[in-house]
C-alpha atoms as a PDB file:
ATOM      1  CA  MET A   1      -9.411 -68.178  45.827  1.00  0.00           C
ATOM      2  CA  VAL A   2      -8.172 -67.636  42.263  1.00  0.00           C
ATOM      3  CA  GLU A   3      -4.715 -66.560  43.441  1.00  0.00           C
ATOM      4  CA  ARG A   4      -4.528 -69.550  45.788  1.00  0.00           C
ATOM      5  CA  GLU A   5      -5.452 -71.955  42.989  1.00  0.00           C
ATOM      6  CA  ALA A   6      -2.989 -70.405  40.543  1.00  0.00           C
ATOM      7  CA  THR A   7      -0.187 -70.583  43.113  1.00  0.00           C
ATOM      8  CA  HIS A   8      -0.963 -74.213  43.898  1.00  0.00           C
ATOM      9  CA  ARG A   9      -1.036 -75.128  40.214  1.00  0.00           C
ATOM     10  CA  ALA A  10       2.233 -73.351  39.384  1.00  0.00           C
ATOM     11  CA  ILE A  11       3.999 -75.061  42.288  1.00  0.00           C
ATOM     12  CA  ALA A  12       2.571 -78.470  41.366  1.00  0.00           C
ATOM     13  CA  LEU A  13       3.760 -78.183  37.768  1.00  0.00           C
ATOM     14  CA  ALA A  14       7.202 -76.994  38.912  1.00  0.00           C
ATOM     15  CA  GLU A  15       7.452 -79.881  41.372  1.00  0.00           C
ATOM     16  CA  LEU A  16       6.450 -82.335  38.637  1.00  0.00           C
ATOM     17  CA  VAL A  17       9.466 -81.409  36.501  1.00  0.00           C
ATOM     18  CA  ASP A  18      11.858 -80.609  39.396  1.00  0.00           C
ATOM     19  CA  GLN A  19      11.982 -76.895  38.562  1.00  0.00           C
ATOM     20  CA  PRO A  20      12.753 -74.374  41.329  1.00  0.00           C
ATOM     21  CA  ILE A  21      10.268 -71.501  41.219  1.00  0.00           C
ATOM     22  CA  GLN A  22       9.666 -68.073  42.728  1.00  0.00           C
ATOM     23  CA  VAL A  23       6.050 -66.918  43.128  1.00  0.00           C
ATOM     24  CA  PHE A  24       5.792 -63.158  42.638  1.00  0.00           C
ATOM     25  CA  HIS A  25       3.293 -60.553  43.875  1.00  0.00           C
ATOM     26  CA  VAL A  26       1.745 -62.640  46.643  1.00  0.00           C
ATOM     27  CA  SER A  27      -1.141 -60.548  47.951  1.00  0.00           C
ATOM     28  CA  CYS A  28      -2.880 -62.856  50.409  1.00  0.00           C
ATOM     29  CA  ALA A  29      -2.167 -65.410  53.090  1.00  0.00           C
ATOM     30  CA  GLU A  30      -3.988 -68.194  51.235  1.00  0.00           C
ATOM     31  CA  ALA A  31      -1.482 -68.075  48.382  1.00  0.00           C
ATOM     32  CA  ALA A  32       1.420 -67.827  50.824  1.00  0.00           C
ATOM     33  CA  GLU A  33       0.142 -70.903  52.631  1.00  0.00           C
ATOM     34  CA  GLU A  34       0.475 -72.898  49.397  1.00  0.00           C
ATOM     35  CA  ILE A  35       4.121 -71.797  49.243  1.00  0.00           C
ATOM     36  CA  ALA A  36       4.653 -72.775  52.881  1.00  0.00           C
ATOM     37  CA  ARG A  37       3.185 -76.244  52.313  1.00  0.00           C
ATOM     38  CA  ALA A  38       5.490 -76.824  49.359  1.00  0.00           C
ATOM     39  CA  GLN A  39       8.498 -75.584  51.298  1.00  0.00           C
ATOM     40  CA  HIS A  40       7.602 -78.031  54.068  1.00  0.00           C
ATOM     41  CA  ARG A  41       7.744 -80.835  51.481  1.00  0.00           C
ATOM     42  CA  GLY A  42      11.245 -79.676  50.554  1.00  0.00           C
ATOM     43  CA  VAL A  43      10.284 -78.102  47.226  1.00  0.00           C
ATOM     44  CA  LYS A  44      12.507 -75.245  46.120  1.00  0.00           C
ATOM     45  CA  VAL A  45       9.927 -72.469  46.036  1.00  0.00           C
ATOM     46  CA  TRP A  46      10.263 -68.878  47.225  1.00  0.00           C
ATOM     47  CA  GLY A  47       7.672 -66.159  47.729  1.00  0.00           C
ATOM     48  CA  GLU A  48       7.800 -62.441  46.966  1.00  0.00           C
ATOM     49  CA  THR A  49       5.424 -59.620  47.781  1.00  0.00           C
ATOM     50  CA  CYS A  50       5.281 -55.881  47.056  1.00  0.00           C
ATOM     51  CA  PRO A  51       4.631 -52.634  48.968  1.00  0.00           C
ATOM     52  CA  GLN A  52       1.184 -52.203  47.416  1.00  0.00           C
ATOM     53  CA  TYR A  53       0.009 -55.244  49.364  1.00  0.00           C
ATOM     54  CA  LEU A  54       1.294 -53.677  52.578  1.00  0.00           C
ATOM     55  CA  ALA A  55       0.147 -50.080  52.112  1.00  0.00           C
ATOM     56  CA  LEU A  56      -2.796 -50.052  49.659  1.00  0.00           C
ATOM     57  CA  ALA A  57      -6.210 -51.691  49.901  1.00  0.00           C
ATOM     58  CA  ALA A  58      -9.172 -52.555  47.719  1.00  0.00           C
ATOM     59  CA  ALA A  59     -10.919 -49.375  48.871  1.00  0.00           C
ATOM     60  CA  ASP A  60      -8.285 -47.330  47.000  1.00  0.00           C
ATOM     61  CA  MET A  61      -9.739 -48.561  43.706  1.00  0.00           C
ATOM     62  CA  ASP A  62     -13.218 -47.386  44.707  1.00  0.00           C
ATOM     63  CA  ARG A  63     -12.531 -43.700  44.127  1.00  0.00           C
ATOM     64  CA  PRO A  64     -14.600 -41.105  42.270  1.00  0.00           C
ATOM     65  CA  GLY A  65     -14.482 -40.960  38.499  1.00  0.00           C
ATOM     66  CA  PHE A  66     -11.358 -42.433  36.992  1.00  0.00           C
ATOM     67  CA  ASP A  67      -9.121 -42.011  40.061  1.00  0.00           C
ATOM     68  CA  GLY A  68      -9.336 -45.694  40.974  1.00  0.00           C
ATOM     69  CA  ALA A  69      -7.361 -46.606  37.847  1.00  0.00           C
ATOM     70  CA  ALA A  70      -4.227 -45.309  39.564  1.00  0.00           C
ATOM     71  CA  TYR A  71      -4.352 -48.316  41.896  1.00  0.00           C
ATOM     72  CA  MET A  72      -4.984 -51.092  39.386  1.00  0.00           C
ATOM     73  CA  CYS A  73      -2.408 -53.882  39.502  1.00  0.00           C
ATOM     74  CA  SER A  74      -2.380 -57.675  39.485  1.00  0.00           C
ATOM     75  CA  PRO A  75      -3.201 -59.195  41.834  1.00  0.00           C
ATOM     76  CA  SER A  76      -5.364 -56.317  42.991  1.00  0.00           C
ATOM     77  CA  PRO A  77      -4.908 -54.746  46.435  1.00  0.00           C
ATOM     78  CA  ARG A  78      -6.795 -56.731  49.065  1.00  0.00           C
ATOM     79  CA  SER A  79      -8.539 -55.706  52.281  1.00  0.00           C
ATOM     80  CA  ALA A  80      -6.810 -53.833  55.074  1.00  0.00           C
ATOM     81  CA  GLU A  81      -7.224 -56.968  57.220  1.00  0.00           C
ATOM     82  CA  GLU A  82      -5.384 -59.053  54.631  1.00  0.00           C
ATOM     83  CA  GLN A  83      -2.367 -56.747  54.956  1.00  0.00           C
ATOM     84  CA  GLY A  84      -1.895 -58.036  58.504  1.00  0.00           C
ATOM     85  CA  ARG A  85      -1.973 -61.631  57.302  1.00  0.00           C
ATOM     86  CA  VAL A  86       0.643 -60.860  54.614  1.00  0.00           C
ATOM     87  CA  TRP A  87       2.867 -59.314  57.288  1.00  0.00           C
ATOM     88  CA  GLU A  88       2.570 -62.530  59.282  1.00  0.00           C
ATOM     89  CA  MET A  89       3.785 -64.519  56.271  1.00  0.00           C
ATOM     90  CA  ILE A  90       6.736 -62.133  55.993  1.00  0.00           C
ATOM     91  CA  ARG A  91       7.574 -62.637  59.673  1.00  0.00           C
ATOM     92  CA  ARG A  92       7.438 -66.425  59.219  1.00  0.00           C
ATOM     93  CA  GLY A  93       9.874 -66.215  56.299  1.00  0.00           C
ATOM     94  CA  THR A  94       7.441 -67.710  53.791  1.00  0.00           C
ATOM     95  CA  LEU A  95       7.620 -64.438  51.871  1.00  0.00           C
ATOM     96  CA  ASP A  96      11.318 -63.651  51.904  1.00  0.00           C
ATOM     97  CA  VAL A  97      11.715 -60.938  49.244  1.00  0.00           C
ATOM     98  CA  VAL A  98       9.899 -57.600  48.866  1.00  0.00           C
ATOM     99  CA  SER A  99      10.361 -55.942  45.480  1.00  0.00           C
ATOM    100  CA  SER A 100       8.473 -53.125  43.775  1.00  0.00           C
ATOM    101  CA  ASP A 101       6.749 -54.574  40.691  1.00  0.00           C
ATOM    102  CA  HIS A 102       7.342 -51.079  39.284  1.00  0.00           C
ATOM    103  CA  CYS A 103       5.197 -50.562  36.191  1.00  0.00           C
ATOM    104  CA  GLY A 104       5.547 -47.115  34.695  1.00  0.00           C
ATOM    105  CA  PHE A 105       2.192 -46.040  33.293  1.00  0.00           C
ATOM    106  CA  SER A 106       1.195 -42.408  33.723  1.00  0.00           C
ATOM    107  CA  MET A 107      -2.393 -41.402  34.349  1.00  0.00           C
ATOM    108  CA  HIS A 108      -2.796 -38.692  31.699  1.00  0.00           C
ATOM    109  CA  ARG A 109      -0.048 -39.138  29.112  1.00  0.00           C
ATOM    110  CA  PRO A 110      -1.611 -39.113  25.597  1.00  0.00           C
ATOM    111  CA  GLY A 111      -1.367 -42.504  23.962  1.00  0.00           C
ATOM    112  CA  ALA A 112       0.467 -44.120  26.852  1.00  0.00           C
ATOM    113  CA  GLY A 113      -1.426 -43.241  29.998  1.00  0.00           C
ATOM    114  CA  LYS A 114      -4.145 -44.974  31.963  1.00  0.00           C
ATOM    115  CA  GLN A 115      -6.480 -42.195  30.945  1.00  0.00           C
ATOM    116  CA  ALA A 116      -5.182 -41.508  27.441  1.00  0.00           C
ATOM    117  CA  GLY A 117      -5.948 -38.005  26.258  1.00  0.00           C
ATOM    118  CA  GLY A 118      -7.868 -37.251  29.437  1.00  0.00           C
ATOM    119  CA  THR A 119     -10.736 -39.515  28.388  1.00  0.00           C
ATOM    120  CA  ALA A 120     -11.962 -42.375  30.540  1.00  0.00           C
ATOM    121  CA  VAL A 121     -11.392 -45.733  28.863  1.00  0.00           C
ATOM    122  CA  PRO A 122     -13.091 -49.114  29.407  1.00  0.00           C
ATOM    123  CA  PHE A 123     -11.800 -51.234  32.263  1.00  0.00           C
ATOM    124  CA  ARG A 124     -10.278 -53.807  29.898  1.00  0.00           C
ATOM    125  CA  ASP A 125      -8.189 -51.095  28.190  1.00  0.00           C
ATOM    126  CA  ILE A 126      -6.624 -49.580  31.304  1.00  0.00           C
ATOM    127  CA  PRO A 127      -2.884 -50.456  31.426  1.00  0.00           C
ATOM    128  CA  ASN A 128      -2.364 -52.664  34.467  1.00  0.00           C
ATOM    129  CA  GLY A 129       0.343 -51.881  37.011  1.00  0.00           C
ATOM    130  CA  ILE A 130       1.539 -49.126  39.318  1.00  0.00           C
ATOM    131  CA  PRO A 131       4.837 -47.292  39.906  1.00  0.00           C
ATOM    132  CA  GLY A 132       6.655 -47.994  43.148  1.00  0.00           C
ATOM    133  CA  LEU A 133      10.408 -48.359  42.698  1.00  0.00           C
ATOM    134  CA  ALA A 134      11.500 -45.322  44.718  1.00  0.00           C
ATOM    135  CA  ALA A 135       8.795 -45.786  47.366  1.00  0.00           C
ATOM    136  CA  ARG A 136       9.545 -49.445  48.096  1.00  0.00           C
ATOM    137  CA  LEU A 137      12.236 -49.174  50.765  1.00  0.00           C
ATOM    138  CA  PRO A 138      10.743 -46.231  52.682  1.00  0.00           C
ATOM    139  CA  ILE A 139       7.318 -47.899  52.821  1.00  0.00           C
ATOM    140  CA  LEU A 140       8.720 -51.252  53.905  1.00  0.00           C
ATOM    141  CA  PHE A 141      10.932 -49.618  56.542  1.00  0.00           C
ATOM    142  CA  SER A 142       8.167 -47.369  57.859  1.00  0.00           C
ATOM    143  CA  GLU A 143       5.402 -49.976  57.900  1.00  0.00           C
ATOM    144  CA  GLY A 144       7.747 -52.740  59.010  1.00  0.00           C
ATOM    145  CA  VAL A 145      10.633 -51.550  61.176  1.00  0.00           C
ATOM    146  CA  SER A 146       9.233 -48.244  62.452  1.00  0.00           C
ATOM    147  CA  LYS A 147       5.935 -49.866  63.440  1.00  0.00           C
ATOM    148  CA  GLY A 148       7.605 -52.868  65.077  1.00  0.00           C
ATOM    149  CA  ARG A 149       6.367 -55.516  62.635  1.00  0.00           C
ATOM    150  CA  ILE A 150       9.870 -56.670  61.638  1.00  0.00           C
ATOM    151  CA  SER A 151      13.406 -56.065  62.902  1.00  0.00           C
ATOM    152  CA  LEU A 152      16.064 -54.017  61.151  1.00  0.00           C
ATOM    153  CA  ASP A 153      17.958 -57.220  60.368  1.00  0.00           C
ATOM    154  CA  HIS A 154      14.831 -58.684  58.782  1.00  0.00           C
ATOM    155  CA  PHE A 155      14.430 -55.547  56.657  1.00  0.00           C
ATOM    156  CA  VAL A 156      17.969 -56.048  55.333  1.00  0.00           C
ATOM    157  CA  ARG A 157      17.318 -59.706  54.549  1.00  0.00           C
ATOM    158  CA  LEU A 158      14.128 -58.886  52.618  1.00  0.00           C
ATOM    159  CA  THR A 159      15.692 -56.138  50.522  1.00  0.00           C
ATOM    160  CA  ALA A 160      19.343 -57.116  50.103  1.00  0.00           C
ATOM    161  CA  THR A 161      20.588 -60.439  51.458  1.00  0.00           C
ATOM    162  CA  ASN A 162      17.815 -62.716  50.200  1.00  0.00           C
ATOM    163  CA  PRO A 163      17.502 -61.188  46.701  1.00  0.00           C
ATOM    164  CA  ALA A 164      21.270 -61.300  46.186  1.00  0.00           C
ATOM    165  CA  ARG A 165      21.433 -64.954  47.172  1.00  0.00           C
ATOM    166  CA  LEU A 166      18.371 -65.924  45.131  1.00  0.00           C
ATOM    167  CA  MET A 167      19.638 -64.129  42.012  1.00  0.00           C
ATOM    168  CA  GLY A 168      23.161 -65.544  42.221  1.00  0.00           C
ATOM    169  CA  LEU A 169      24.820 -62.238  43.171  1.00  0.00           C
ATOM    170  CA  ALA A 170      26.056 -63.243  46.626  1.00  0.00           C
ATOM    171  CA  PRO A 171      28.522 -62.771  48.238  1.00  0.00           C
ATOM    172  CA  ARG A 172      29.462 -59.692  46.179  1.00  0.00           C
ATOM    173  CA  LYS A 173      26.050 -58.190  46.829  1.00  0.00           C
ATOM    174  CA  GLY A 174      23.603 -58.303  49.704  1.00  0.00           C
ATOM    175  CA  ALA A 175      25.968 -58.147  52.687  1.00  0.00           C
ATOM    176  CA  ILE A 176      28.561 -55.895  54.279  1.00  0.00           C
ATOM    177  CA  ALA A 177      31.587 -58.169  54.175  1.00  0.00           C
ATOM    178  CA  ILE A 178      35.190 -58.381  53.022  1.00  0.00           C
ATOM    179  CA  GLY A 179      35.225 -58.994  49.285  1.00  0.00           C
ATOM    180  CA  GLY A 180      31.851 -57.361  48.704  1.00  0.00           C
ATOM    181  CA  ASP A 181      31.230 -54.432  46.365  1.00  0.00           C
ATOM    182  CA  ALA A 182      30.835 -51.785  49.104  1.00  0.00           C
ATOM    183  CA  ASP A 183      27.241 -51.022  48.128  1.00  0.00           C
ATOM    184  CA  LEU A 184      25.613 -49.251  51.074  1.00  0.00           C
ATOM    185  CA  ALA A 185      22.383 -47.402  51.760  1.00  0.00           C
ATOM    186  CA  LEU A 186      22.721 -44.892  54.589  1.00  0.00           C
ATOM    187  CA  TRP A 187      19.415 -44.494  56.388  1.00  0.00           C
ATOM    188  CA  ASP A 188      17.928 -41.928  58.754  1.00  0.00           C
ATOM    189  CA  PRO A 189      15.492 -44.078  60.765  1.00  0.00           C
ATOM    190  CA  LYS A 190      13.766 -41.102  62.421  1.00  0.00           C
ATOM    191  CA  LYS A 191      13.276 -38.840  59.419  1.00  0.00           C
ATOM    192  CA  LYS A 192       9.614 -38.262  58.578  1.00  0.00           C
ATOM    193  CA  VAL A 193       8.788 -37.651  54.933  1.00  0.00           C
ATOM    194  CA  THR A 194       5.479 -37.226  53.147  1.00  0.00           C
ATOM    195  CA  ILE A 195       5.694 -39.043  49.826  1.00  0.00           C
ATOM    196  CA  THR A 196       4.977 -36.917  46.765  1.00  0.00           C
ATOM    197  CA  ASN A 197       5.379 -37.655  43.095  1.00  0.00           C
ATOM    198  CA  ALA A 198       8.208 -35.112  42.825  1.00  0.00           C
ATOM    199  CA  LEU A 199      10.244 -37.054  45.396  1.00  0.00           C
ATOM    200  CA  MET A 200      10.015 -40.207  43.288  1.00  0.00           C
ATOM    201  CA  GLN A 201      12.166 -38.666  40.514  1.00  0.00           C
ATOM    202  CA  HIS A 202      10.561 -40.787  37.807  1.00  0.00           C
ATOM    203  CA  ALA A 203       9.111 -39.914  34.411  1.00  0.00           C
ATOM    204  CA  ILE A 204       5.573 -40.791  35.509  1.00  0.00           C
ATOM    205  CA  ASP A 205       2.914 -38.255  36.406  1.00  0.00           C
ATOM    206  CA  TYR A 206       1.715 -39.828  39.670  1.00  0.00           C
ATOM    207  CA  THR A 207       2.513 -42.079  42.601  1.00  0.00           C
ATOM    208  CA  PRO A 208      -0.195 -44.191  44.252  1.00  0.00           C
ATOM    209  CA  TYR A 209       1.419 -43.343  47.590  1.00  0.00           C
ATOM    210  CA  GLU A 210       0.886 -39.574  47.295  1.00  0.00           C
ATOM    211  CA  GLY A 211       0.474 -38.060  50.765  1.00  0.00           C
ATOM    212  CA  LEU A 212       1.609 -41.154  52.685  1.00  0.00           C
ATOM    213  CA  GLU A 213       3.849 -40.168  55.610  1.00  0.00           C
ATOM    214  CA  VAL A 214       6.732 -42.540  56.256  1.00  0.00           C
ATOM    215  CA  THR A 215       9.237 -42.708  59.081  1.00  0.00           C
ATOM    216  CA  GLY A 216      12.735 -43.562  57.844  1.00  0.00           C
ATOM    217  CA  TRP A 217      14.366 -42.279  54.674  1.00  0.00           C
ATOM    218  CA  PRO A 218      17.569 -42.967  52.686  1.00  0.00           C
ATOM    219  CA  VAL A 219      20.000 -40.052  52.894  1.00  0.00           C
ATOM    220  CA  ALA A 220      22.890 -41.426  50.832  1.00  0.00           C
ATOM    221  CA  THR A 221      23.759 -44.351  48.577  1.00  0.00           C
ATOM    222  CA  VAL A 222      27.237 -45.751  48.037  1.00  0.00           C
ATOM    223  CA  ARG A 223      27.966 -47.980  45.033  1.00  0.00           C
ATOM    224  CA  ARG A 224      31.294 -49.814  44.933  1.00  0.00           C
ATOM    225  CA  GLY A 225      32.634 -47.341  47.478  1.00  0.00           C
ATOM    226  CA  THR A 226      31.551 -44.209  45.588  1.00  0.00           C
ATOM    227  CA  VAL A 227      28.722 -41.913  46.704  1.00  0.00           C
ATOM    228  CA  VAL A 228      26.051 -41.958  43.981  1.00  0.00           C
ATOM    229  CA  MET A 229      23.213 -40.216  45.858  1.00  0.00           C
ATOM    230  CA  ARG A 230      23.247 -37.729  48.704  1.00  0.00           C
ATOM    231  CA  ASP A 231      20.197 -35.994  50.189  1.00  0.00           C
ATOM    232  CA  GLY A 232      18.035 -36.881  47.219  1.00  0.00           C
ATOM    233  CA  VAL A 233      20.468 -35.675  44.553  1.00  0.00           C
ATOM    234  CA  VAL A 234      21.890 -38.279  42.157  1.00  0.00           C
ATOM    235  CA  GLN A 235      25.639 -37.866  41.746  1.00  0.00           C
ATOM    236  CA  ALA A 236      26.490 -40.882  39.605  1.00  0.00           C
ATOM    237  CA  GLU A 237      27.724 -40.259  36.078  1.00  0.00           C
ATOM    238  CA  PRO A 238      25.912 -41.966  33.190  1.00  0.00           C
ATOM    239  CA  GLY A 239      27.738 -45.069  32.025  1.00  0.00           C
ATOM    240  CA  THR A 240      29.352 -45.899  35.364  1.00  0.00           C
ATOM    241  CA  GLY A 241      27.073 -48.861  35.991  1.00  0.00           C
ATOM    242  CA  ARG A 242      28.453 -52.347  35.605  1.00  0.00           C
ATOM    243  CA  PHE A 243      26.741 -55.399  34.135  1.00  0.00           C
ATOM    244  CA  LEU A 244      26.959 -58.415  36.415  1.00  0.00           C
ATOM    245  CA  ALA A 245      27.021 -61.672  34.464  1.00  0.00           C
ATOM    246  CA  ARG A 246      25.748 -64.745  36.294  1.00  0.00           C
ATOM    247  CA  GLY A 247      26.587 -68.353  35.640  1.00  0.00           C
ATOM    248  CA  PRO A 248      24.834 -71.420  37.057  1.00  0.00           C
ATOM    249  CA  TYR A 249      24.684 -71.514  40.856  1.00  0.00           C
ATOM    250  CA  ASP A 250      23.708 -74.239  43.286  1.00  0.00           C
ATOM    251  CA  PHE A 251      21.089 -72.346  45.282  1.00  0.00           C
ATOM    252  CA  ILE A 252      18.492 -72.614  42.514  1.00  0.00           C
ATOM    253  CA  ALA A 253      19.671 -75.899  41.002  1.00  0.00           C
ATOM    254  CA  PRO A 254      17.050 -78.669  40.676  1.00  0.00           C
ATOM    255  CA  ARG A 255      16.949 -81.044  43.635  1.00  0.00           C
ATOM    256  CA  GLY A 256      17.276 -84.172  41.524  1.00  0.00           C
ATOM    257  CA  LEU A 257      13.998 -85.485  42.953  1.00  0.00           C
ATOM    258  CA  LEU A 258      11.027 -86.396  40.789  1.00  0.00           C
ATOM    259  CA  PRO A 259       7.565 -87.703  41.759  1.00  0.00           C
ATOM    260  CA  ASP A 260       7.772 -91.506  41.476  1.00  0.00           C
ATOM    261  CA  GLY A 261      10.998 -91.109  39.512  1.00  0.00           C
ATOM    262  CA  PHE A 262       9.151 -90.025  36.360  1.00  0.00           C
ATOM    263  CA  ASP A 263      11.070 -87.406  34.358  1.00  0.00           C
ATOM    264  CA  ALA A 264       8.433 -85.396  32.522  1.00  0.00           C
ATOM    265  CA  ALA A 265      11.077 -83.101  31.017  1.00  0.00           C
ATOM    266  CA  PRO A 266      14.217 -85.034  30.049  1.00  0.00           C
ATOM    267  CA  ARG A 267      17.292 -82.819  29.993  1.00  0.00           C
ATOM    268  CA  LEU A 268      19.583 -82.832  26.994  1.00  0.00           C
ATOM    269  CA  GLU A 269      23.231 -83.546  27.711  1.00  0.00           C
END
């Protein structure tokens, strides 16, 4: 109920001042329904969700001792039944981006971990958020494509095409097309992998997806036509990344429509 109300309020305020908005970390169908209603009115609003709302559940936080802290994020994981309703909102296109919400807190790192110095801390002092960057695509592919919830094309839209368009990076990014940057992920759709923290290759001492078996795994990554990862080994040289500057773009421009013509936020010329 709280997430639904917050989503409704954010959309209403954005609509009042003609401000396009993306709602992040949607964890339940009730919040997604608020997005769908606004989209039906023609409001420029987009919805995003994360793998934790497709693969984790509230029961993961109810673990012995301090183990439940590893699954604390906002919004919190919902019920297993709610996962199915979130998938339905993905299939409808109401939620059209799936990103990681990667938040790099270790469990036992002194001074910076969720359990600083190995001592349990009060609930209010536990750093909120979970790591998930490297696990995002395999989980979405396995739970989505491999289990028949979404098509391969839909997987590509959620992870590449839609984000590139929404962030003003299309057509260079997000599609295999003439004039694009030749960024490609080569995927083995049948490869079964059990996720472990070591496979994540991050500087964090745990993954909330430890032990989860996924079907489908990236075997190589090509960036601007150059192989930068093969069989789990990074081959890119430091400093070879490229900053992509973005100017204004029409996709997220205000509609020029205001409730009753009242401009609550006059724009300076």
